[in-house]
All heavy atoms as atom14 arrays in JSON, in Angstrom:
{
  "sequence": "AGEELREGRNYAQALAKKGPAKLIHLAAQYFTKGKGLIDRLSAKDDA",
  "atom14_mask": [
    [1, 1, 1, 1, 1, 0, 0, 0, 0, 0, 0, 0, 0, 0],
    [1, 1, 1, 1, 0, 0, 0, 0, 0, 0, 0, 0, 0, 0],
    [1, 1, 1, 1, 1, 1, 1, 1, 1, 0, 0, 0, 0, 0],
    [1, 1, 1, 1, 1, 1, 1, 1, 1, 0, 0, 0, 0, 0],
    [1, 1, 1, 1, 1, 1, 1, 1, 0, 0, 0, 0, 0, 0],
    [1, 1, 1, 1, 1, 1, 1, 1, 1, 1, 1, 0, 0, 0],
    [1, 1, 1, 1, 1, 1, 1, 1, 1, 0, 0, 0, 0, 0],
    [1, 1, 1, 1, 0, 0, 0, 0, 0, 0, 0, 0, 0, 0],
    [1, 1, 1, 1, 1, 1, 1, 1, 1, 1, 1, 0, 0, 0],
    [1, 1, 1, 1, 1, 1, 1, 1, 0, 0, 0, 0, 0, 0],
    [1, 1, 1, 1, 1, 1, 1, 1, 1, 1, 1, 1, 0, 0],
    [1, 1, 1, 1, 1, 0, 0, 0, 0, 0, 0, 0, 0, 0],
    [1, 1, 1, 1, 1, 1, 1, 1, 1, 0, 0, 0, 0, 0],
    [1, 1, 1, 1, 1, 0, 0, 0, 0, 0, 0, 0, 0, 0],
    [1, 1, 1, 1, 1, 1, 1, 1, 0, 0, 0, 0, 0, 0],
    [1, 1, 1, 1, 1, 0, 0, 0, 0, 0, 0, 0, 0, 0],
    [1, 1, 1, 1, 1, 1, 1, 1, 1, 0, 0, 0, 0, 0],
    [1, 1, 1, 1, 1, 1, 1, 1, 1, 0, 0, 0, 0, 0],
    [1, 1, 1, 1, 0, 0, 0, 0, 0, 0, 0, 0, 0, 0],
    [1, 1, 1, 1, 1, 1, 1, 0, 0, 0, 0, 0, 0, 0],
    [1, 1, 1, 1, 1, 0, 0, 0, 0, 0, 0, 0, 0, 0],
    [1, 1, 1, 1, 1, 1, 1, 1, 1, 0, 0, 0, 0, 0],
    [1, 1, 1, 1, 1, 1, 1, 1, 0, 0, 0, 0, 0, 0],
    [1, 1, 1, 1, 1, 1, 1, 1, 0, 0, 0, 0, 0, 0],
    [1, 1, 1, 1, 1, 1, 1, 1, 1, 1, 0, 0, 0, 0],
    [1, 1, 1, 1, 1, 1, 1, 1, 0, 0, 0, 0, 0, 0],
    [1, 1, 1, 1, 1, 0, 0, 0, 0, 0, 0, 0, 0, 0],
    [1, 1, 1, 1, 1, 0, 0, 0, 0, 0, 0, 0, 0, 0],
    [1, 1, 1, 1, 1, 1, 1, 1, 1, 0, 0, 0, 0, 0],
    [1, 1, 1, 1, 1, 1, 1, 1, 1, 1, 1, 1, 0, 0],
    [1, 1, 1, 1, 1, 1, 1, 1, 1, 1, 1, 0, 0, 0],
    [1, 1, 1, 1, 1, 1, 1, 0, 0, 0, 0, 0, 0, 0],
    [1, 1, 1, 1, 1, 1, 1, 1, 1, 0, 0, 0, 0, 0],
    [1, 1, 1, 1, 0, 0, 0, 0, 0, 0, 0, 0, 0, 0],
    [1, 1, 1, 1, 1, 1, 1, 1, 1, 0, 0, 0, 0, 0],
    [1, 1, 1, 1, 0, 0, 0, 0, 0, 0, 0, 0, 0, 0],
    [1, 1, 1, 1, 1, 1, 1, 1, 0, 0, 0, 0, 0, 0],
    [1, 1, 1, 1, 1, 1, 1, 1, 0, 0, 0, 0, 0, 0],
    [1, 1, 1, 1, 1, 1, 1, 1, 0, 0, 0, 0, 0, 0],
    [1, 1, 1, 1, 1, 1, 1, 1, 1, 1, 1, 0, 0, 0],
    [1, 1, 1, 1, 1, 1, 1, 1, 0, 0, 0, 0, 0, 0],
    [1, 1, 1, 1, 1, 1, 0, 0, 0, 0, 0, 0, 0, 0],
    [1, 1, 1, 1, 1, 0, 0, 0, 0, 0, 0, 0, 0, 0],
    [1, 1, 1, 1, 1, 1, 1, 1, 1, 0, 0, 0, 0, 0],
    [1, 1, 1, 1, 1, 1, 1, 1, 0, 0, 0, 0, 0, 0],
    [1, 1, 1, 1, 1, 1, 1, 1, 0, 0, 0, 0, 0, 0],
    [1, 1, 1, 1, 1, 0, 0, 0, 0, 0, 0, 0, 0, 0]
  ],
  "atom14_positions": [
    [[101.27, 177.58, 224.83], [101.42, 176.16, 224.53], [100.85, 175.84, 223.15], [101.45, 175.09, 222.37], [100.74, 175.31, 225.6], [0.0, 0.0, 0.0], [0.0, 0.0, 0.0], [0.0, 0.0, 0.0], [0.0, 0.0, 0.0], [0.0, 0.0, 0.0], [0.0, 0.0, 0.0], [0.0, 0.0, 0.0], [0.0, 0.0, 0.0], [0.0, 0.0, 0.0]],
    [[99.69, 176.42, 222.84], [99.1, 176.22, 221.53], [99.97, 176.77, 220.42], [100.14, 176.15, 219.36], [0.0, 0.0, 0.0], [0.0, 0.0, 0.0], [0.0, 0.0, 0.0], [0.0, 0.0, 0.0], [0.0, 0.0, 0.0], [0.0, 0.0, 0.0], [0.0, 0.0, 0.0], [0.0, 0.0, 0.0], [0.0, 0.0, 0.0], [0.0, 0.0, 0.0]],
    [[100.57, 177.92, 220.67], [101.47, 178.51, 219.68], [102.67, 177.61, 219.43], [103.08, 177.39, 218.28], [101.93, 179.89, 220.18], [102.83, 180.62, 219.19], [103.25, 181.99, 219.69], [102.74, 182.43, 220.75], [104.1, 182.62, 219.04], [0.0, 0.0, 0.0], [0.0, 0.0, 0.0], [0.0, 0.0, 0.0], [0.0, 0.0, 0.0], [0.0, 0.0, 0.0]],
    [[103.24, 177.05, 220.5], [104.4, 176.16, 220.35], [104.01, 174.87, 219.64], [104.76, 174.36, 218.8], [105.0, 175.86, 221.71], [106.29, 175.06, 221.63], [107.03, 174.98, 222.95], [106.7, 175.74, 223.89], [107.95, 174.15, 223.04], [0.0, 0.0, 0.0], [0.0, 0.0, 0.0], [0.0, 0.0, 0.0], [0.0, 0.0, 0.0], [0.0, 0.0, 0.0]],
    [[102.84, 174.34, 219.96], [102.38, 173.12, 219.31], [102.15, 173.34, 217.82], [102.47, 172.48, 216.99], [101.09, 172.62, 219.97], [101.26, 171.97, 221.34], [99.92, 171.89, 222.06], [101.89, 170.59, 221.21], [0.0, 0.0, 0.0], [0.0, 0.0, 0.0], [0.0, 0.0, 0.0], [0.0, 0.0, 0.0], [0.0, 0.0, 0.0], [0.0, 0.0, 0.0]],
    [[101.6, 174.49, 217.47], [101.35, 174.77, 216.05], [102.67, 174.92, 215.28], [102.75, 174.53, 214.11], [100.48, 176.03, 215.9], [99.01, 175.78, 216.22], [98.14, 176.97, 215.85], [98.44, 178.15, 216.66], [97.91, 178.4, 217.85], [97.05, 177.54, 218.39], [98.23, 179.49, 218.53], [0.0, 0.0, 0.0], [0.0, 0.0, 0.0], [0.0, 0.0, 0.0]],
    [[103.69, 175.45, 215.93], [104.97, 175.58, 215.23], [105.56, 174.2, 214.88], [106.25, 174.05, 213.88], [105.98, 176.38, 216.06], [107.29, 176.58, 215.33], [108.23, 177.58, 216.0], [107.8, 178.23, 216.98], [109.37, 177.7, 215.55], [0.0, 0.0, 0.0], [0.0, 0.0, 0.0], [0.0, 0.0, 0.0], [0.0, 0.0, 0.0], [0.0, 0.0, 0.0]],
    [[105.24, 173.2, 215.69], [105.76, 171.86, 215.41], [104.75, 170.94, 214.75], [104.95, 169.72, 214.73], [0.0, 0.0, 0.0], [0.0, 0.0, 0.0], [0.0, 0.0, 0.0], [0.0, 0.0, 0.0], [0.0, 0.0, 0.0], [0.0, 0.0, 0.0], [0.0, 0.0, 0.0], [0.0, 0.0, 0.0], [0.0, 0.0, 0.0], [0.0, 0.0, 0.0]],
    [[103.69, 171.51, 214.17], [102.56, 170.68, 213.73], [102.87, 169.74, 212.56], [102.16, 168.77, 212.34], [101.38, 171.58, 213.36], [101.61, 172.55, 212.19], [100.45, 173.54, 212.11], [100.54, 174.5, 211.02], [101.13, 175.69, 211.1], [101.75, 176.03, 212.21], [101.13, 176.53, 210.07], [0.0, 0.0, 0.0], [0.0, 0.0, 0.0], [0.0, 0.0, 0.0]],
    [[103.9, 170.03, 211.8], [104.26, 169.17, 210.66], [105.66, 168.56, 210.79], [106.15, 167.93, 209.86], [104.21, 169.99, 209.36], [102.79, 170.4, 209.0], [101.9, 169.58, 208.85], [102.58, 171.72, 208.86], [0.0, 0.0, 0.0], [0.0, 0.0, 0.0], [0.0, 0.0, 0.0], [0.0, 0.0, 0.0], [0.0, 0.0, 0.0], [0.0, 0.0, 0.0]],
    [[106.28, 168.74, 211.94], [107.7, 168.41, 212.09], [107.95, 166.9, 212.07], [108.84, 166.42, 211.36], [108.22, 169.03, 213.38], [109.72, 169.08, 213.48], [110.44, 170.12, 212.92], [110.42, 168.09, 214.15], [111.82, 170.18, 213.01], [111.81, 168.14, 214.25], [112.5, 169.19, 213.68], [113.86, 169.23, 213.78], [0.0, 0.0, 0.0], [0.0, 0.0, 0.0]],
    [[107.2, 166.14, 212.87], [107.42, 164.69, 212.92], [107.16, 164.05, 211.56], [107.85, 163.12, 211.15], [106.54, 164.06, 213.99], [0.0, 0.0, 0.0], [0.0, 0.0, 0.0], [0.0, 0.0, 0.0], [0.0, 0.0, 0.0], [0.0, 0.0, 0.0], [0.0, 0.0, 0.0], [0.0, 0.0, 0.0], [0.0, 0.0, 0.0], [0.0, 0.0, 0.0]],
    [[106.15, 164.59, 210.85], [105.84, 164.05, 209.51], [106.99, 164.35, 208.54], [107.33, 163.52, 207.7], [104.54, 164.66, 208.97], [103.32, 164.48, 209.87], [103.08, 165.68, 210.77], [103.88, 165.97, 211.64], [101.97, 166.37, 210.56], [0.0, 0.0, 0.0], [0.0, 0.0, 0.0], [0.0, 0.0, 0.0], [0.0, 0.0, 0.0], [0.0, 0.0, 0.0]],
    [[107.59, 165.54, 208.67], [108.71, 165.89, 207.8], [109.93, 165.01, 208.08], [110.64, 164.59, 207.17], [109.08, 167.36, 207.96], [0.0, 0.0, 0.0], [0.0, 0.0, 0.0], [0.0, 0.0, 0.0], [0.0, 0.0, 0.0], [0.0, 0.0, 0.0], [0.0, 0.0, 0.0], [0.0, 0.0, 0.0], [0.0, 0.0, 0.0], [0.0, 0.0, 0.0]],
    [[110.16, 164.72, 209.37], [111.28, 163.86, 209.72], [111.15, 162.47, 209.09], [112.14, 161.8, 208.81], [111.37, 163.7, 211.24], [111.91, 164.89, 212.04], [111.83, 164.6, 213.53], [113.34, 165.23, 211.65], [0.0, 0.0, 0.0], [0.0, 0.0, 0.0], [0.0, 0.0, 0.0], [0.0, 0.0, 0.0], [0.0, 0.0, 0.0], [0.0, 0.0, 0.0]],
    [[109.91, 162.04, 208.88], [109.68, 160.71, 208.31], [109.91, 160.66, 206.8], [109.95, 159.57, 206.21], [108.25, 160.26, 208.62], [0.0, 0.0, 0.0], [0.0, 0.0, 0.0], [0.0, 0.0, 0.0], [0.0, 0.0, 0.0], [0.0, 0.0, 0.0], [0.0, 0.0, 0.0], [0.0, 0.0, 0.0], [0.0, 0.0, 0.0], [0.0, 0.0, 0.0]],
    [[110.07, 161.83, 206.16], [110.37, 161.85, 204.73], [111.79, 161.35, 204.48], [112.6, 161.27, 205.39], [110.2, 163.27, 204.18], [108.8, 163.86, 204.34], [107.77, 163.11, 203.55], [106.39, 163.76, 203.7], [105.34, 162.96, 203.02], [0.0, 0.0, 0.0], [0.0, 0.0, 0.0], [0.0, 0.0, 0.0], [0.0, 0.0, 0.0], [0.0, 0.0, 0.0]],
    [[112.08, 161.09, 203.21], [113.39, 160.53, 202.87], [114.15, 161.45, 201.91], [113.54, 162.19, 201.15], [113.21, 159.15, 202.25], [112.64, 158.13, 203.23], [112.5, 156.78, 202.59], [112.05, 155.78, 203.65], [110.84, 156.2, 204.34], [0.0, 0.0, 0.0], [0.0, 0.0, 0.0], [0.0, 0.0, 0.0], [0.0, 0.0, 0.0], [0.0, 0.0, 0.0]],
    [[115.48, 161.34, 201.97], [116.34, 162.05, 201.05], [116.2, 163.56, 201.15], [115.88, 164.11, 202.22], [0.0, 0.0, 0.0], [0.0, 0.0, 0.0], [0.0, 0.0, 0.0], [0.0, 0.0, 0.0], [0.0, 0.0, 0.0], [0.0, 0.0, 0.0], [0.0, 0.0, 0.0], [0.0, 0.0, 0.0], [0.0, 0.0, 0.0], [0.0, 0.0, 0.0]],
    [[116.41, 164.26, 200.04], [116.34, 165.72, 200.04], [114.99, 166.28, 200.46], [114.91, 167.38, 201.01], [116.65, 166.08, 198.58], [117.41, 164.91, 198.04], [116.85, 163.71, 198.73], [0.0, 0.0, 0.0], [0.0, 0.0, 0.0], [0.0, 0.0, 0.0], [0.0, 0.0, 0.0], [0.0, 0.0, 0.0], [0.0, 0.0, 0.0], [0.0, 0.0, 0.0]],
    [[113.91, 165.5, 200.24], [112.57, 165.99, 200.61], [112.49, 166.3, 202.09], [111.84, 167.27, 202.5], [111.51, 164.96, 200.23], [0.0, 0.0, 0.0], [0.0, 0.0, 0.0], [0.0, 0.0, 0.0], [0.0, 0.0, 0.0], [0.0, 0.0, 0.0], [0.0, 0.0, 0.0], [0.0, 0.0, 0.0], [0.0, 0.0, 0.0], [0.0, 0.0, 0.0]],
    [[113.15, 165.49, 202.92], [113.16, 165.72, 204.36], [113.73, 167.1, 204.67], [113.13, 167.9, 205.4], [113.97, 164.63, 205.06], [114.01, 164.76, 206.58], [115.2, 164.04, 207.2], [115.16, 162.55, 206.94], [114.32, 161.83, 207.92], [0.0, 0.0, 0.0], [0.0, 0.0, 0.0], [0.0, 0.0, 0.0], [0.0, 0.0, 0.0], [0.0, 0.0, 0.0]],
    [[114.89, 167.38, 204.13], [115.58, 168.64, 204.42], [114.81, 169.84, 203.89], [114.75, 170.89, 204.54], [116.99, 168.6, 203.83], [117.89, 167.47, 204.33], [119.24, 167.51, 203.63], [118.07, 167.55, 205.84], [0.0, 0.0, 0.0], [0.0, 0.0, 0.0], [0.0, 0.0, 0.0], [0.0, 0.0, 0.0], [0.0, 0.0, 0.0], [0.0, 0.0, 0.0]],
    [[114.2, 169.69, 202.72], [113.42, 170.78, 202.14], [112.21, 171.11, 203.0], [111.93, 172.28, 203.31], [112.99, 170.43, 200.7], [114.21, 170.36, 199.78], [111.98, 171.45, 200.17], [113.93, 169.78, 198.42], [0.0, 0.0, 0.0], [0.0, 0.0, 0.0], [0.0, 0.0, 0.0], [0.0, 0.0, 0.0], [0.0, 0.0, 0.0], [0.0, 0.0, 0.0]],
    [[111.51, 170.07, 203.43], [110.34, 170.3, 204.29], [110.74, 170.92, 205.63], [110.09, 171.87, 206.11], [109.6, 168.97, 204.55], [108.67, 168.56, 203.45], [107.5, 169.25, 203.17], [108.72, 167.54, 202.56], [106.87, 168.67, 202.16], [107.59, 167.63, 201.77], [0.0, 0.0, 0.0], [0.0, 0.0, 0.0], [0.0, 0.0, 0.0], [0.0, 0.0, 0.0]],
    [[111.81, 170.4, 206.24], [112.24, 170.93, 207.53], [112.68, 172.4, 207.42], [112.36, 173.22, 208.28], [113.37, 170.08, 208.1], [113.0, 168.68, 208.56], [114.24, 167.89, 208.95], [112.01, 168.72, 209.71], [0.0, 0.0, 0.0], [0.0, 0.0, 0.0], [0.0, 0.0, 0.0], [0.0, 0.0, 0.0], [0.0, 0.0, 0.0], [0.0, 0.0, 0.0]],
    [[113.4, 172.72, 206.36], [113.84, 174.11, 206.16], [112.65, 175.03, 205.97], [112.59, 176.13, 206.56], [114.79, 174.19, 204.97], [0.0, 0.0, 0.0], [0.0, 0.0, 0.0], [0.0, 0.0, 0.0], [0.0, 0.0, 0.0], [0.0, 0.0, 0.0], [0.0, 0.0, 0.0], [0.0, 0.0, 0.0], [0.0, 0.0, 0.0], [0.0, 0.0, 0.0]],
    [[111.7, 174.6, 205.15], [110.51, 175.43, 204.91], [109.73, 175.66, 206.19], [109.24, 176.77, 206.46], [109.64, 174.78, 203.84], [0.0, 0.0, 0.0], [0.0, 0.0, 0.0], [0.0, 0.0, 0.0], [0.0, 0.0, 0.0], [0.0, 0.0, 0.0], [0.0, 0.0, 0.0], [0.0, 0.0, 0.0], [0.0, 0.0, 0.0], [0.0, 0.0, 0.0]],
    [[109.62, 174.63, 207.01], [108.9, 174.77, 208.28], [109.64, 175.7, 209.24], [109.02, 176.47, 209.98], [108.7, 173.4, 208.92], [107.72, 172.5, 208.2], [107.63, 171.12, 208.8], [107.89, 170.93, 209.98], [107.25, 170.14, 208.0], [0.0, 0.0, 0.0], [0.0, 0.0, 0.0], [0.0, 0.0, 0.0], [0.0, 0.0, 0.0], [0.0, 0.0, 0.0]],
    [[110.96, 175.61, 209.22], [111.75, 176.43, 210.13], [111.53, 177.92, 209.86], [111.4, 178.73, 210.8], [113.24, 176.08, 209.97], [114.13, 176.73, 211.0], [114.26, 176.19, 212.27], [114.87, 177.87, 210.69], [115.09, 176.77, 213.22], [115.7, 178.46, 211.63], [115.81, 177.91, 212.9], [116.62, 178.5, 213.84], [0.0, 0.0, 0.0], [0.0, 0.0, 0.0]],
    [[111.48, 178.28, 208.59], [111.35, 179.7, 208.24], [109.9, 180.18, 208.2], [109.66, 181.38, 208.13], [112.05, 179.96, 206.91], [113.54, 179.84, 206.99], [114.21, 178.77, 206.4], [114.3, 180.76, 207.7], [115.59, 178.64, 206.5], [115.68, 180.64, 207.8], [116.33, 179.58, 207.19], [0.0, 0.0, 0.0], [0.0, 0.0, 0.0], [0.0, 0.0, 0.0]],
    [[108.93, 179.25, 208.21], [107.51, 179.65, 208.21], [106.84, 179.34, 209.54], [105.63, 179.38, 209.65], [106.75, 178.95, 207.08], [106.83, 177.52, 207.27], [107.31, 179.31, 205.72], [0.0, 0.0, 0.0], [0.0, 0.0, 0.0], [0.0, 0.0, 0.0], [0.0, 0.0, 0.0], [0.0, 0.0, 0.0], [0.0, 0.0, 0.0], [0.0, 0.0, 0.0]],
    [[107.65, 179.0, 210.56], [107.16, 178.67, 211.9], [106.1, 177.57, 211.87], [105.04, 177.67, 212.49], [106.63, 179.92, 212.61], [107.74, 180.9, 212.94], [107.34, 181.88, 214.02], [108.54, 182.7, 214.48], [108.19, 183.65, 215.55], [0.0, 0.0, 0.0], [0.0, 0.0, 0.0], [0.0, 0.0, 0.0], [0.0, 0.0, 0.0], [0.0, 0.0, 0.0]],
    [[106.4, 176.53, 211.1], [105.57, 175.33, 211.15], [104.72, 175.05, 209.94], [104.34, 173.91, 209.69], [0.0, 0.0, 0.0], [0.0, 0.0, 0.0], [0.0, 0.0, 0.0], [0.0, 0.0, 0.0], [0.0, 0.0, 0.0], [0.0, 0.0, 0.0], [0.0, 0.0, 0.0], [0.0, 0.0, 0.0], [0.0, 0.0, 0.0], [0.0, 0.0, 0.0]],
    [[104.38, 176.08, 209.16], [103.47, 175.87, 208.04], [104.11, 175.01, 206.96], [103.5, 174.06, 206.47], [103.04, 177.22, 207.45], [102.05, 177.08, 206.29], [101.62, 178.45, 205.78], [100.63, 178.3, 204.63], [100.19, 179.62, 204.11], [0.0, 0.0, 0.0], [0.0, 0.0, 0.0], [0.0, 0.0, 0.0], [0.0, 0.0, 0.0], [0.0, 0.0, 0.0]],
    [[105.31, 175.35, 206.55], [106.03, 174.57, 205.57], [105.43, 174.63, 204.19], [104.62, 175.51, 203.86], [0.0, 0.0, 0.0], [0.0, 0.0, 0.0], [0.0, 0.0, 0.0], [0.0, 0.0, 0.0], [0.0, 0.0, 0.0], [0.0, 0.0, 0.0], [0.0, 0.0, 0.0], [0.0, 0.0, 0.0], [0.0, 0.0, 0.0], [0.0, 0.0, 0.0]],
    [[105.82, 173.68, 203.35], [105.32, 173.63, 201.97], [103.91, 173.06, 201.89], [103.13, 173.42, 201.02], [106.26, 172.77, 201.11], [107.72, 173.24, 201.03], [108.53, 172.25, 200.22], [107.79, 174.63, 200.42], [0.0, 0.0, 0.0], [0.0, 0.0, 0.0], [0.0, 0.0, 0.0], [0.0, 0.0, 0.0], [0.0, 0.0, 0.0], [0.0, 0.0, 0.0]],
    [[103.61, 172.14, 202.79], [102.28, 171.52, 202.86], [101.83, 171.58, 204.31], [102.48, 171.0, 205.18], [102.31, 170.06, 202.37], [102.82, 169.97, 200.94], [100.93, 169.43, 202.49], [103.03, 168.54, 200.46], [0.0, 0.0, 0.0], [0.0, 0.0, 0.0], [0.0, 0.0, 0.0], [0.0, 0.0, 0.0], [0.0, 0.0, 0.0], [0.0, 0.0, 0.0]],
    [[100.74, 172.3, 204.55], [100.25, 172.39, 205.92], [99.25, 171.26, 206.15], [98.3, 171.1, 205.39], [99.6, 173.74, 206.18], [99.56, 174.06, 207.66], [100.03, 173.23, 208.46], [99.06, 175.14, 208.02], [0.0, 0.0, 0.0], [0.0, 0.0, 0.0], [0.0, 0.0, 0.0], [0.0, 0.0, 0.0], [0.0, 0.0, 0.0], [0.0, 0.0, 0.0]],
    [[99.47, 170.54, 207.19], [98.88, 169.23, 207.5], [99.5, 168.17, 206.59], [98.86, 167.51, 205.78], [97.36, 169.2, 207.4], [96.76, 167.93, 208.04], [95.23, 167.94, 207.99], [94.68, 166.61, 208.14], [94.18, 166.09, 209.25], [94.18, 166.8, 210.35], [93.69, 164.88, 209.28], [0.0, 0.0, 0.0], [0.0, 0.0, 0.0], [0.0, 0.0, 0.0]],
    [[100.78, 168.04, 206.79], [101.56, 167.01, 206.1], [101.07, 165.65, 206.58], [100.79, 165.45, 207.76], [103.03, 167.2, 206.46], [104.11, 166.69, 205.51], [103.93, 167.25, 204.1], [105.49, 167.07, 206.06], [0.0, 0.0, 0.0], [0.0, 0.0, 0.0], [0.0, 0.0, 0.0], [0.0, 0.0, 0.0], [0.0, 0.0, 0.0], [0.0, 0.0, 0.0]],
    [[100.94, 164.71, 205.67], [100.36, 163.41, 205.99], [101.29, 162.6, 206.9], [102.49, 162.86, 207.0], [100.06, 162.62, 204.72], [101.25, 162.36, 204.01], [0.0, 0.0, 0.0], [0.0, 0.0, 0.0], [0.0, 0.0, 0.0], [0.0, 0.0, 0.0], [0.0, 0.0, 0.0], [0.0, 0.0, 0.0], [0.0, 0.0, 0.0], [0.0, 0.0, 0.0]],
    [[100.73, 161.58, 207.54], [101.49, 160.7, 208.42], [101.0, 159.27, 208.24], [99.84, 159.04, 207.91], [101.33, 161.13, 209.88], [0.0, 0.0, 0.0], [0.0, 0.0, 0.0], [0.0, 0.0, 0.0], [0.0, 0.0, 0.0], [0.0, 0.0, 0.0], [0.0, 0.0, 0.0], [0.0, 0.0, 0.0], [0.0, 0.0, 0.0], [0.0, 0.0, 0.0]],
    [[101.91, 158.33, 208.46], [101.59, 156.92, 208.34], [101.71, 156.24, 209.7], [102.68, 156.46, 210.42], [102.54, 156.25, 207.34], [102.19, 154.82, 206.98], [103.13, 154.3, 205.88], [102.76, 152.88, 205.45], [103.67, 152.39, 204.37], [0.0, 0.0, 0.0], [0.0, 0.0, 0.0], [0.0, 0.0, 0.0], [0.0, 0.0, 0.0], [0.0, 0.0, 0.0]],
    [[100.71, 155.45, 210.04], [100.7, 154.73, 211.31], [102.0, 153.94, 211.49], [102.43, 153.22, 210.59], [99.5, 153.78, 211.32], [99.25, 153.14, 212.68], [100.23, 152.92, 213.42], [98.09, 152.84, 213.0], [0.0, 0.0, 0.0], [0.0, 0.0, 0.0], [0.0, 0.0, 0.0], [0.0, 0.0, 0.0], [0.0, 0.0, 0.0], [0.0, 0.0, 0.0]],
    [[102.63, 154.08, 212.67], [103.89, 153.4, 212.93], [103.8, 151.89, 212.76], [104.8, 151.23, 212.42], [104.36, 153.7, 214.36], [104.81, 155.14, 214.55], [105.27, 155.75, 213.57], [104.71, 155.65, 215.67], [0.0, 0.0, 0.0], [0.0, 0.0, 0.0], [0.0, 0.0, 0.0], [0.0, 0.0, 0.0], [0.0, 0.0, 0.0], [0.0, 0.0, 0.0]],
    [[102.64, 151.32, 212.99], [102.48, 149.86, 212.87], [102.49, 149.39, 211.42], [102.59, 148.18, 211.17], [101.19, 149.42, 213.55], [0.0, 0.0, 0.0], [0.0, 0.0, 0.0], [0.0, 0.0, 0.0], [0.0, 0.0, 0.0], [0.0, 0.0, 0.0], [0.0, 0.0, 0.0], [0.0, 0.0, 0.0], [0.0, 0.0, 0.0], [0.0, 0.0, 0.0]]
  ]
}
């Protein structure tokens, strides 16, 4: 479970990006099993 959670650790943050940046981050995470270009990608409170 921890391994699966770590693979998705930056995914929701990448989805929140816009334009080509979204696709670049998602592709990088897919091939690095979650690490991506920036590990611990920032997030903004939904509110």
